[in-house]
């Protein structure tokens, strides 16, 4: 998602990162977002989304990226749910779960 060319173009236009564009798009869709980061610089970036707006063309282009499923975590896919489950339970989950 963060390397999507459309997001990169819009980010360049607004002098922002693709992550900031994604956050701003969600805010403009009235979606509550809770960004997660342990990195101080990314935390600052996450807060720097209030000084610009996405125009209608930006919003349309981003909306067209919808693939009908989650990009970060597809909860419909059992193998993905298992992967996350084992990751949460065991930092060595790669040994506990065989990827198909």
PDB file of N, CA and C in Angstrom:
ATOM      1  N   UNK A   1       0.825  -1.187   0.000  1.00  0.00           N
ATOM      2  CA  UNK A   1       0.000   0.000   0.000  1.00  0.00           C
ATOM      3  C   UNK A   1       0.876   1.261   0.000  1.00  0.00           C
ATOM      4  N   UNK A   2       1.949   1.260   0.772  1.00  0.00           N
ATOM      5  CA  UNK A   2       2.775   2.459   0.889  1.00  0.00           C
ATOM      6  C   UNK A   2       3.618   2.712  -0.360  1.00  0.00           C
ATOM      7  N   UNK A   3       3.703   1.727  -1.233  1.00  0.00           N
ATOM      8  CA  UNK A   3       4.468   1.898  -2.475  1.00  0.00           C
ATOM      9  C   UNK A   3       3.558   2.067  -3.687  1.00  0.00           C
ATOM     10  N   UNK A   4       2.278   2.191  -3.458  1.00  0.00           N
ATOM     11  CA  UNK A   4       1.301   2.369  -4.540  1.00  0.00           C
ATOM     12  C   UNK A   4       1.635   3.658  -5.313  1.00  0.00           C
ATOM     13  N   UNK A   5       1.850   3.567  -6.640  1.00  0.00           N
ATOM     14  CA  UNK A   5       2.227   4.746  -7.430  1.00  0.00           C
ATOM     15  C   UNK A   5       1.251   5.925  -7.312  1.00  0.00           C
ATOM     16  N   UNK A   6      -0.029   5.659  -7.278  1.00  0.00           N
ATOM     17  CA  UNK A   6      -1.013   6.749  -7.166  1.00  0.00           C
ATOM     18  C   UNK A   6      -0.803   7.513  -5.854  1.00  0.00           C
ATOM     19  N   UNK A   7      -0.594   6.782  -4.771  1.00  0.00           N
ATOM     20  CA  UNK A   7      -0.362   7.435  -3.477  1.00  0.00           C
ATOM     21  C   UNK A   7       0.952   8.203  -3.476  1.00  0.00           C
ATOM     22  N   UNK A   8       1.957   7.651  -4.136  1.00  0.00           N
ATOM     23  CA  UNK A   8       3.251   8.340  -4.228  1.00  0.00           C
ATOM     24  C   UNK A   8       3.121   9.647  -5.003  1.00  0.00           C
ATOM     25  N   UNK A   9       2.357   9.642  -6.092  1.00  0.00           N
ATOM     26  CA  UNK A   9       2.144  10.864  -6.884  1.00  0.00           C
ATOM     27  C   UNK A   9       1.416  11.931  -6.074  1.00  0.00           C
ATOM     28  N   UNK A  10       0.368  11.514  -5.381  1.00  0.00           N
ATOM     29  CA  UNK A  10      -0.413  12.465  -4.571  1.00  0.00           C
ATOM     30  C   UNK A  10       0.442  12.987  -3.419  1.00  0.00           C
ATOM     31  N   UNK A  11       1.247  12.110  -2.831  1.00  0.00           N
ATOM     32  CA  UNK A  11       2.140  12.520  -1.741  1.00  0.00           C
ATOM     33  C   UNK A  11       3.137  13.569  -2.227  1.00  0.00           C
ATOM     34  N   UNK A  12       3.703  13.334  -3.395  1.00  0.00           N
ATOM     35  CA  UNK A  12       4.663  14.287  -3.954  1.00  0.00           C
ATOM     36  C   UNK A  12       3.997  15.638  -4.205  1.00  0.00           C
ATOM     37  N   UNK A  13       2.794  15.601  -4.739  1.00  0.00           N
ATOM     38  CA  UNK A  13       2.043  16.830  -5.024  1.00  0.00           C
ATOM     39  C   UNK A  13       1.845  17.671  -3.765  1.00  0.00           C
ATOM     40  N   UNK A  14       1.583  17.016  -2.638  1.00  0.00           N
ATOM     41  CA  UNK A  14       1.306  17.716  -1.380  1.00  0.00           C
ATOM     42  C   UNK A  14       2.526  17.816  -0.468  1.00  0.00           C
ATOM     43  N   UNK A  15       3.679  17.293  -0.948  1.00  0.00           N
ATOM     44  CA  UNK A  15       4.911  17.263  -0.162  1.00  0.00           C
ATOM     45  C   UNK A  15       4.691  16.533   1.164  1.00  0.00           C
ATOM     46  N   UNK A  16       4.075  15.365   1.058  1.00  0.00           N
ATOM     47  CA  UNK A  16       3.772  14.507   2.204  1.00  0.00           C
ATOM     48  C   UNK A  16       4.244  13.094   1.895  1.00  0.00           C
ATOM     49  N   UNK A  17       4.124  12.200   2.852  1.00  0.00           N
ATOM     50  CA  UNK A  17       4.449  10.795   2.623  1.00  0.00           C
ATOM     51  C   UNK A  17       3.174  10.050   2.220  1.00  0.00           C
ATOM     52  N   UNK A  18       3.313   8.894   1.576  1.00  0.00           N
ATOM     53  CA  UNK A  18       2.120   8.092   1.270  1.00  0.00           C
ATOM     54  C   UNK A  18       1.308   7.768   2.536  1.00  0.00           C
ATOM     55  N   UNK A  19       2.000   7.516   3.647  1.00  0.00           N
ATOM     56  CA  UNK A  19       1.284   7.229   4.898  1.00  0.00           C
ATOM     57  C   UNK A  19       0.425   8.420   5.326  1.00  0.00           C
ATOM     58  N   UNK A  20       0.951   9.620   5.171  1.00  0.00           N
ATOM     59  CA  UNK A  20       0.176  10.819   5.518  1.00  0.00           C
ATOM     60  C   UNK A  20      -1.026  10.976   4.594  1.00  0.00           C
ATOM     61  N   UNK A  21      -0.854  10.635   3.335  1.00  0.00           N
ATOM     62  CA  UNK A  21      -1.973  10.713   2.383  1.00  0.00           C
ATOM     63  C   UNK A  21      -3.058   9.716   2.794  1.00  0.00           C
ATOM     64  N   UNK A  22      -2.652   8.503   3.170  1.00  0.00           N
ATOM     65  CA  UNK A  22      -3.623   7.492   3.602  1.00  0.00           C
ATOM     66  C   UNK A  22      -4.371   7.963   4.851  1.00  0.00           C
ATOM     67  N   UNK A  23      -3.643   8.498   5.817  1.00  0.00           N
ATOM     68  CA  UNK A  23      -4.297   9.001   7.031  1.00  0.00           C
ATOM     69  C   UNK A  23      -5.269  10.124   6.705  1.00  0.00           C
ATOM     70  N   UNK A  24      -4.822  11.067   5.870  1.00  0.00           N
ATOM     71  CA  UNK A  24      -5.678  12.212   5.526  1.00  0.00           C
ATOM     72  C   UNK A  24      -6.922  11.758   4.762  1.00  0.00           C
ATOM     73  N   UNK A  25      -6.763  10.801   3.859  1.00  0.00           N
ATOM     74  CA  UNK A  25      -7.902  10.287   3.099  1.00  0.00           C
ATOM     75  C   UNK A  25      -8.933   9.694   4.050  1.00  0.00           C
ATOM     76  N   UNK A  26      -8.466   8.918   5.020  1.00  0.00           N
ATOM     77  CA  UNK A  26      -9.395   8.348   5.997  1.00  0.00           C
ATOM     78  C   UNK A  26     -10.100   9.432   6.802  1.00  0.00           C
ATOM     79  N   UNK A  27      -9.373  10.431   7.240  1.00  0.00           N
ATOM     80  CA  UNK A  27      -9.972  11.541   7.999  1.00  0.00           C
ATOM     81  C   UNK A  27     -11.040  12.231   7.156  1.00  0.00           C
ATOM     82  N   UNK A  28     -10.752  12.473   5.891  1.00  0.00           N
ATOM     83  CA  UNK A  28     -11.718  13.151   5.024  1.00  0.00           C
ATOM     84  C   UNK A  28     -12.910  12.264   4.691  1.00  0.00           C
ATOM     85  N   UNK A  29     -12.789  10.951   4.938  1.00  0.00           N
ATOM     86  CA  UNK A  29     -13.908  10.018   4.772  1.00  0.00           C
ATOM     87  C   UNK A  29     -14.677   9.849   6.093  1.00  0.00           C
ATOM     88  N   UNK A  30     -14.301  10.648   7.105  1.00  0.00           N
ATOM     89  CA  UNK A  30     -14.903  10.572   8.454  1.00  0.00           C
ATOM     90  C   UNK A  30     -14.633   9.228   9.128  1.00  0.00           C
ATOM     91  N   UNK A  31     -13.482   8.646   8.834  1.00  0.00           N
ATOM     92  CA  UNK A  31     -13.062   7.399   9.472  1.00  0.00           C
ATOM     93  C   UNK A  31     -12.120   7.764  10.614  1.00  0.00           C
ATOM     94  N   UNK A  32     -12.369   7.184  11.762  1.00  0.00           N
ATOM     95  CA  UNK A  32     -11.491   7.406  12.907  1.00  0.00           C
ATOM     96  C   UNK A  32     -10.249   6.550  12.709  1.00  0.00           C
ATOM     97  N   UNK A  33      -9.101   7.177  12.792  1.00  0.00           N
ATOM     98  CA  UNK A  33      -7.856   6.442  12.616  1.00  0.00           C
ATOM     99  C   UNK A  33      -7.031   6.516  13.894  1.00  0.00           C
ATOM    100  N   UNK A  34      -6.371   5.414  14.187  1.00  0.00           N
ATOM    101  CA  UNK A  34      -5.461   5.360  15.326  1.00  0.00           C
ATOM    102  C   UNK A  34      -4.128   4.844  14.787  1.00  0.00           C
ATOM    103  N   UNK A  35      -3.287   5.763  14.317  1.00  0.00           N
ATOM    104  CA  UNK A  35      -2.012   5.321  13.758  1.00  0.00           C
ATOM    105  C   UNK A  35      -1.101   4.782  14.852  1.00  0.00           C
ATOM    106  N   UNK A  36      -0.345   3.767  14.506  1.00  0.00           N
ATOM    107  CA  UNK A  36       0.561   3.135  15.458  1.00  0.00           C
ATOM    108  C   UNK A  36       1.993   3.303  14.988  1.00  0.00           C
ATOM    109  N   UNK A  37       2.825   3.760  15.876  1.00  0.00           N
ATOM    110  CA  UNK A  37       4.245   3.818  15.579  1.00  0.00           C
ATOM    111  C   UNK A  37       5.020   3.915  16.889  1.00  0.00           C
ATOM    112  N   UNK A  38       6.208   3.351  16.876  1.00  0.00           N
ATOM    113  CA  UNK A  38       7.106   3.498  18.018  1.00  0.00           C
ATOM    114  C   UNK A  38       8.256   4.434  17.663  1.00  0.00           C
ATOM    115  N   UNK A  39       8.249   4.922  16.420  1.00  0.00           N
ATOM    116  CA  UNK A  39       9.313   5.791  15.934  1.00  0.00           C
ATOM    117  C   UNK A  39       8.892   7.254  16.054  1.00  0.00           C
ATOM    118  N   UNK A  40       9.710   8.033  16.734  1.00  0.00           N
ATOM    119  CA  UNK A  40       9.391   9.438  16.994  1.00  0.00           C
ATOM    120  C   UNK A  40       9.108  10.225  15.708  1.00  0.00           C
ATOM    121  N   UNK A  41       9.922  10.011  14.676  1.00  0.00           N
ATOM    122  CA  UNK A  41       9.728  10.740  13.414  1.00  0.00           C
ATOM    123  C   UNK A  41       8.383  10.399  12.768  1.00  0.00           C
ATOM    124  N   UNK A  42       8.005   9.127  12.804  1.00  0.00           N
ATOM    125  CA  UNK A  42       6.715   8.739  12.224  1.00  0.00           C
ATOM    126  C   UNK A  42       5.558   9.291  13.049  1.00  0.00           C
ATOM    127  N   UNK A  43       5.736   9.354  14.354  1.00  0.00           N
ATOM    128  CA  UNK A  43       4.692   9.957  15.194  1.00  0.00           C
ATOM    129  C   UNK A  43       4.470  11.410  14.791  1.00  0.00           C
ATOM    130  N   UNK A  44       5.570  12.123  14.554  1.00  0.00           N
ATOM    131  CA  UNK A  44       5.477  13.519  14.105  1.00  0.00           C
ATOM    132  C   UNK A  44       4.770  13.593  12.751  1.00  0.00           C
ATOM    133  N   UNK A  45       5.140  12.694  11.838  1.00  0.00           N
ATOM    134  CA  UNK A  45       4.491  12.652  10.523  1.00  0.00           C
ATOM    135  C   UNK A  45       2.997  12.405  10.656  1.00  0.00           C
ATOM    136  N   UNK A  46       2.631  11.479  11.544  1.00  0.00           N
ATOM    137  CA  UNK A  46       1.215  11.154  11.726  1.00  0.00           C
ATOM    138  C   UNK A  46       0.406  12.354  12.201  1.00  0.00           C
ATOM    139  N   UNK A  47       1.040  13.259  12.924  1.00  0.00           N
ATOM    140  CA  UNK A  47       0.350  14.460  13.392  1.00  0.00           C
ATOM    141  C   UNK A  47       0.331  15.574  12.344  1.00  0.00           C
ATOM    142  N   UNK A  48       1.184  15.462  11.347  1.00  0.00           N
ATOM    143  CA  UNK A  48       1.310  16.523  10.341  1.00  0.00           C
ATOM    144  C   UNK A  48       0.390  16.275   9.144  1.00  0.00           C
ATOM    145  N   UNK A  49      -0.869  15.979   9.435  1.00  0.00           N
ATOM    146  CA  UNK A  49      -1.834  15.743   8.348  1.00  0.00           C
ATOM    147  C   UNK A  49      -2.948  16.786   8.342  1.00  0.00           C
ATOM    148  N   UNK A  50      -2.809  17.797   9.179  1.00  0.00           N
ATOM    149  CA  UNK A  50      -3.896  18.770   9.331  1.00  0.00           C
ATOM    150  C   UNK A  50      -3.668  20.050   8.545  1.00  0.00           C
ATOM    151  N   UNK A  51      -2.546  20.168   7.855  1.00  0.00           N
ATOM    152  CA  UNK A  51      -2.245  21.422   7.145  1.00  0.00           C
ATOM    153  C   UNK A  51      -2.430  21.324   5.636  1.00  0.00           C
ATOM    154  N   UNK A  52      -3.206  20.334   5.191  1.00  0.00           N
ATOM    155  CA  UNK A  52      -3.516  20.225   3.767  1.00  0.00           C
ATOM    156  C   UNK A  52      -4.825  19.467   3.606  1.00  0.00           C
ATOM    157  N   UNK A  53      -5.421  19.607   2.435  1.00  0.00           N
ATOM    158  CA  UNK A  53      -6.637  18.872   2.092  1.00  0.00           C
ATOM    159  C   UNK A  53      -6.424  18.166   0.769  1.00  0.00           C
ATOM    160  N   UNK A  54      -7.062  17.032   0.625  1.00  0.00           N
ATOM    161  CA  UNK A  54      -7.048  16.324  -0.646  1.00  0.00           C
ATOM    162  C   UNK A  54      -8.165  16.886  -1.513  1.00  0.00           C
ATOM    163  N   UNK A  55      -7.871  17.161  -2.776  1.00  0.00           N
ATOM    164  CA  UNK A  55      -8.917  17.689  -3.648  1.00  0.00           C
ATOM    165  C   UNK A  55      -9.766  16.541  -4.201  1.00  0.00           C
ATOM    166  N   UNK A  56     -10.793  16.877  -4.939  1.00  0.00           N
ATOM    167  CA  UNK A  56     -11.730  15.877  -5.466  1.00  0.00           C
ATOM    168  C   UNK A  56     -11.015  14.852  -6.335  1.00  0.00           C
ATOM    169  N   UNK A  57     -10.080  15.299  -7.156  1.00  0.00           N
ATOM    170  CA  UNK A  57      -9.330  14.377  -8.007  1.00  0.00           C
ATOM    171  C   UNK A  57      -8.511  13.401  -7.163  1.00  0.00           C
ATOM    172  N   UNK A  58      -7.848  13.912  -6.124  1.00  0.00           N
ATOM    173  CA  UNK A  58      -7.080  13.043  -5.224  1.00  0.00           C
ATOM    174  C   UNK A  58      -7.988  11.985  -4.601  1.00  0.00           C
ATOM    175  N   UNK A  59      -9.125  12.429  -4.092  1.00  0.00           N
ATOM    176  CA  UNK A  59     -10.058  11.528  -3.418  1.00  0.00           C
ATOM    177  C   UNK A  59     -10.560  10.444  -4.380  1.00  0.00           C
ATOM    178  N   UNK A  60     -10.856  10.840  -5.605  1.00  0.00           N
ATOM    179  CA  UNK A  60     -11.350   9.884  -6.616  1.00  0.00           C
ATOM    180  C   UNK A  60     -10.273   8.876  -6.968  1.00  0.00           C
ATOM    181  N   UNK A  61      -9.065   9.350  -7.177  1.00  0.00           N
ATOM    182  CA  UNK A  61      -7.963   8.445  -7.523  1.00  0.00           C
ATOM    183  C   UNK A  61      -7.680   7.443  -6.399  1.00  0.00           C
ATOM    184  N   UNK A  62      -7.705   7.912  -5.167  1.00  0.00           N
ATOM    185  CA  UNK A  62      -7.460   7.009  -4.040  1.00  0.00           C
ATOM    186  C   UNK A  62      -8.609   6.013  -3.907  1.00  0.00           C
ATOM    187  N   UNK A  63      -9.834   6.480  -4.058  1.00  0.00           N
ATOM    188  CA  UNK A  63     -10.995   5.581  -3.968  1.00  0.00           C
ATOM    189  C   UNK A  63     -10.945   4.487  -5.025  1.00  0.00           C
ATOM    190  N   UNK A  64     -10.380   4.792  -6.173  1.00  0.00           N
ATOM    191  CA  UNK A  64     -10.309   3.802  -7.253  1.00  0.00           C
ATOM    192  C   UNK A  64      -9.345   2.661  -6.939  1.00  0.00           C
ATOM    193  N   UNK A  65      -8.541   2.810  -5.902  1.00  0.00           N
ATOM    194  CA  UNK A  65      -7.584   1.774  -5.516  1.00  0.00           C
ATOM    195  C   UNK A  65      -8.236   0.638  -4.732  1.00  0.00           C
ATOM    196  N   UNK A  66      -9.497   0.814  -4.349  1.00  0.00           N
ATOM    197  CA  UNK A  66     -10.191  -0.202  -3.544  1.00  0.00           C
ATOM    198  C   UNK A  66     -10.229  -1.531  -4.284  1.00  0.00           C
ATOM    199  N   UNK A  67      -9.671  -2.560  -3.664  1.00  0.00           N
ATOM    200  CA  UNK A  67      -9.630  -3.893  -4.258  1.00  0.00           C
ATOM    201  C   UNK A  67     -10.669  -4.826  -3.651  1.00  0.00           C
ATOM    202  N   UNK A  68     -11.495  -4.295  -2.767  1.00  0.00           N
ATOM    203  CA  UNK A  68     -12.541  -5.103  -2.165  1.00  0.00           C
ATOM    204  C   UNK A  68     -12.062  -5.996  -1.024  1.00  0.00           C
ATOM    205  N   UNK A  69     -10.807  -5.833  -0.629  1.00  0.00           N
ATOM    206  CA  UNK A  69     -10.294  -6.583   0.517  1.00  0.00           C
ATOM    207  C   UNK A  69      -9.210  -5.734   1.191  1.00  0.00           C
ATOM    208  N   UNK A  70      -8.902  -6.094   2.405  1.00  0.00           N
ATOM    209  CA  UNK A  70      -7.907  -5.338   3.161  1.00  0.00           C
ATOM    210  C   UNK A  70      -6.523  -5.483   2.529  1.00  0.00           C
ATOM    211  N   UNK A  71      -5.764  -4.410   2.529  1.00  0.00           N
ATOM    212  CA  UNK A  71      -4.412  -4.459   1.971  1.00  0.00           C
ATOM    213  C   UNK A  71      -3.382  -4.882   3.014  1.00  0.00           C
ATOM    214  N   UNK A  72      -3.600  -4.486   4.252  1.00  0.00           N
ATOM    215  CA  UNK A  72      -2.635  -4.785   5.307  1.00  0.00           C
ATOM    216  C   UNK A  72      -2.909  -6.128   5.972  1.00  0.00           C
ATOM    217  N   UNK A  73      -4.165  -6.448   6.177  1.00  0.00           N
ATOM    218  CA  UNK A  73      -4.540  -7.682   6.854  1.00  0.00           C
ATOM    219  C   UNK A  73      -5.886  -8.136   6.309  1.00  0.00           C
ATOM    220  N   UNK A  74      -5.879  -9.225   5.604  1.00  0.00           N
ATOM    221  CA  UNK A  74      -7.111  -9.769   5.032  1.00  0.00           C
ATOM    222  C   UNK A  74      -7.722 -10.751   6.030  1.00  0.00           C
ATOM    223  N   UNK A  75      -8.680 -10.271   6.807  1.00  0.00           N
ATOM    224  CA  UNK A  75      -9.280 -11.093   7.864  1.00  0.00           C
ATOM    225  C   UNK A  75     -10.205 -12.170   7.313  1.00  0.00           C
ATOM    226  N   UNK A  76     -10.480 -12.148   6.027  1.00  0.00           N
ATOM    227  CA  UNK A  76     -11.303 -13.181   5.395  1.00  0.00           C
ATOM    228  C   UNK A  76     -10.465 -14.435   5.116  1.00  0.00           C
ATOM    229  N   UNK A  77      -9.163 -14.249   5.029  1.00  0.00           N
ATOM    230  CA  UNK A  77      -8.248 -15.324   4.679  1.00  0.00           C
ATOM    231  C   UNK A  77      -7.763 -16.037   5.958  1.00  0.00           C
ATOM    232  N   UNK A  78      -8.181 -17.295   6.189  1.00  0.00           N
ATOM    233  CA  UNK A  78      -7.794 -18.002   7.412  1.00  0.00           C
ATOM    234  C   UNK A  78      -6.284 -18.064   7.647  1.00  0.00           C
ATOM    235  N   UNK A  79      -5.500 -18.234   6.600  1.00  0.00           N
ATOM    236  CA  UNK A  79      -4.047 -18.313   6.778  1.00  0.00           C
ATOM    237  C   UNK A  79      -3.482 -17.000   7.316  1.00  0.00           C
ATOM    238  N   UNK A  80      -4.072 -15.886   6.930  1.00  0.00           N
ATOM    239  CA  UNK A  80      -3.617 -14.589   7.412  1.00  0.00           C
ATOM    240  C   UNK A  80      -3.973 -14.405   8.883  1.00  0.00           C
ATOM    241  N   UNK A  81      -5.164 -14.831   9.263  1.00  0.00           N
ATOM    242  CA  UNK A  81      -5.589 -14.738  10.665  1.00  0.00           C
ATOM    243  C   UNK A  81      -4.677 -15.602  11.534  1.00  0.00           C
ATOM    244  N   UNK A  82      -4.367 -16.810  11.077  1.00  0.00           N
ATOM    245  CA  UNK A  82      -3.468 -17.692  11.824  1.00  0.00           C
ATOM    246  C   UNK A  82      -2.081 -17.067  11.958  1.00  0.00           C
ATOM    247  N   UNK A  83      -1.593 -16.466  10.879  1.00  0.00           N
ATOM    248  CA  UNK A  83      -0.267 -15.839  10.915  1.00  0.00           C
ATOM    249  C   UNK A  83      -0.203 -14.767  11.988  1.00  0.00           C
ATOM    250  N   UNK A  84      -1.215 -13.920  12.046  1.00  0.00           N
ATOM    251  CA  UNK A  84      -1.245 -12.843  13.034  1.00  0.00           C
ATOM    252  C   UNK A  84      -1.414 -13.418  14.443  1.00  0.00           C
ATOM    253  N   UNK A  85      -2.264 -14.430  14.561  1.00  0.00           N
ATOM    254  CA  UNK A  85      -2.479 -15.071  15.861  1.00  0.00           C
ATOM    255  C   UNK A  85      -1.161 -15.597  16.414  1.00  0.00           C
ATOM    256  N   UNK A  86      -0.423 -16.339  15.597  1.00  0.00           N
ATOM    257  CA  UNK A  86       0.848 -16.885  16.059  1.00  0.00           C
ATOM    258  C   UNK A  86       1.880 -15.789  16.308  1.00  0.00           C
ATOM    259  N   UNK A  87       1.844 -14.739  15.529  1.00  0.00           N
ATOM    260  CA  UNK A  87       2.768 -13.630  15.739  1.00  0.00           C
ATOM    261  C   UNK A  87       2.523 -12.976  17.089  1.00  0.00           C
ATOM    262  N   UNK A  88       1.269 -12.861  17.472  1.00  0.00           N
ATOM    263  CA  UNK A  88       0.929 -12.250  18.755  1.00  0.00           C
ATOM    264  C   UNK A  88       1.284 -13.158  19.938  1.00  0.00           C
ATOM    265  N   UNK A  89       1.162 -14.440  19.736  1.00  0.00           N
ATOM    266  CA  UNK A  89       1.404 -15.387  20.819  1.00  0.00           C
ATOM    267  C   UNK A  89       2.859 -15.789  20.961  1.00  0.00           C
ATOM    268  N   UNK A  90       3.603 -15.720  19.874  1.00  0.00           N
ATOM    269  CA  UNK A  90       4.937 -16.285  19.896  1.00  0.00           C
ATOM    270  C   UNK A  90       5.834 -15.509  18.939  1.00  0.00           C
ATOM    271  N   UNK A  91       6.844 -14.881  19.457  1.00  0.00           N
ATOM    272  CA  UNK A  91       7.720 -14.088  18.582  1.00  0.00           C
ATOM    273  C   UNK A  91       8.461 -14.975  17.582  1.00  0.00           C
ATOM    274  N   UNK A  92       8.503 -16.275  17.813  1.00  0.00           N
ATOM    275  CA  UNK A  92       9.119 -17.207  16.868  1.00  0.00           C
ATOM    276  C   UNK A  92       8.052 -17.944  16.063  1.00  0.00           C
ATOM    277  N   UNK A  93       6.986 -17.237  15.702  1.00  0.00           N
ATOM    278  CA  UNK A  93       5.844 -17.868  15.053  1.00  0.00           C
ATOM    279  C   UNK A  93       6.198 -18.540  13.729  1.00  0.00           C
ATOM    280  N   UNK A  94       7.248 -18.134  13.062  1.00  0.00           N
ATOM    281  CA  UNK A  94       7.612 -18.763  11.791  1.00  0.00           C
ATOM    282  C   UNK A  94       7.931 -20.240  11.976  1.00  0.00           C
ATOM    283  N   UNK A  95       8.392 -20.587  13.169  1.00  0.00           N
ATOM    284  CA  UNK A  95       8.683 -21.994  13.446  1.00  0.00           C
ATOM    285  C   UNK A  95       7.421 -22.760  13.847  1.00  0.00           C
ATOM    286  N   UNK A  96       6.441 -22.034  14.387  1.00  0.00           N
ATOM    287  CA  UNK A  96       5.228 -22.684  14.879  1.00  0.00           C
ATOM    288  C   UNK A  96       4.180 -22.842  13.793  1.00  0.00           C
ATOM    289  N   UNK A  97       4.297 -22.064  12.725  1.00  0.00           N
ATOM    290  CA  UNK A  97       3.261 -22.084  11.681  1.00  0.00           C
ATOM    291  C   UNK A  97       3.934 -22.249  10.325  1.00  0.00           C
ATOM    292  N   UNK A  98       3.508 -23.221   9.603  1.00  0.00           N
ATOM    293  CA  UNK A  98       4.051 -23.457   8.265  1.00  0.00           C
ATOM    294  C   UNK A  98       3.241 -22.680   7.238  1.00  0.00           C
ATOM    295  N   UNK A  99       3.906 -21.812   6.496  1.00  0.00           N
ATOM    296  CA  UNK A  99       3.223 -21.017   5.477  1.00  0.00           C
ATOM    297  C   UNK A  99       2.938 -21.888   4.254  1.00  0.00           C
ATOM    298  N   UNK A 100       1.774 -21.687   3.691  1.00  0.00           N
ATOM    299  CA  UNK A 100       1.396 -22.467   2.505  1.00  0.00           C
ATOM    300  C   UNK A 100       1.969 -21.814   1.260  1.00  0.00           C
TER     301      UNK A 100
END
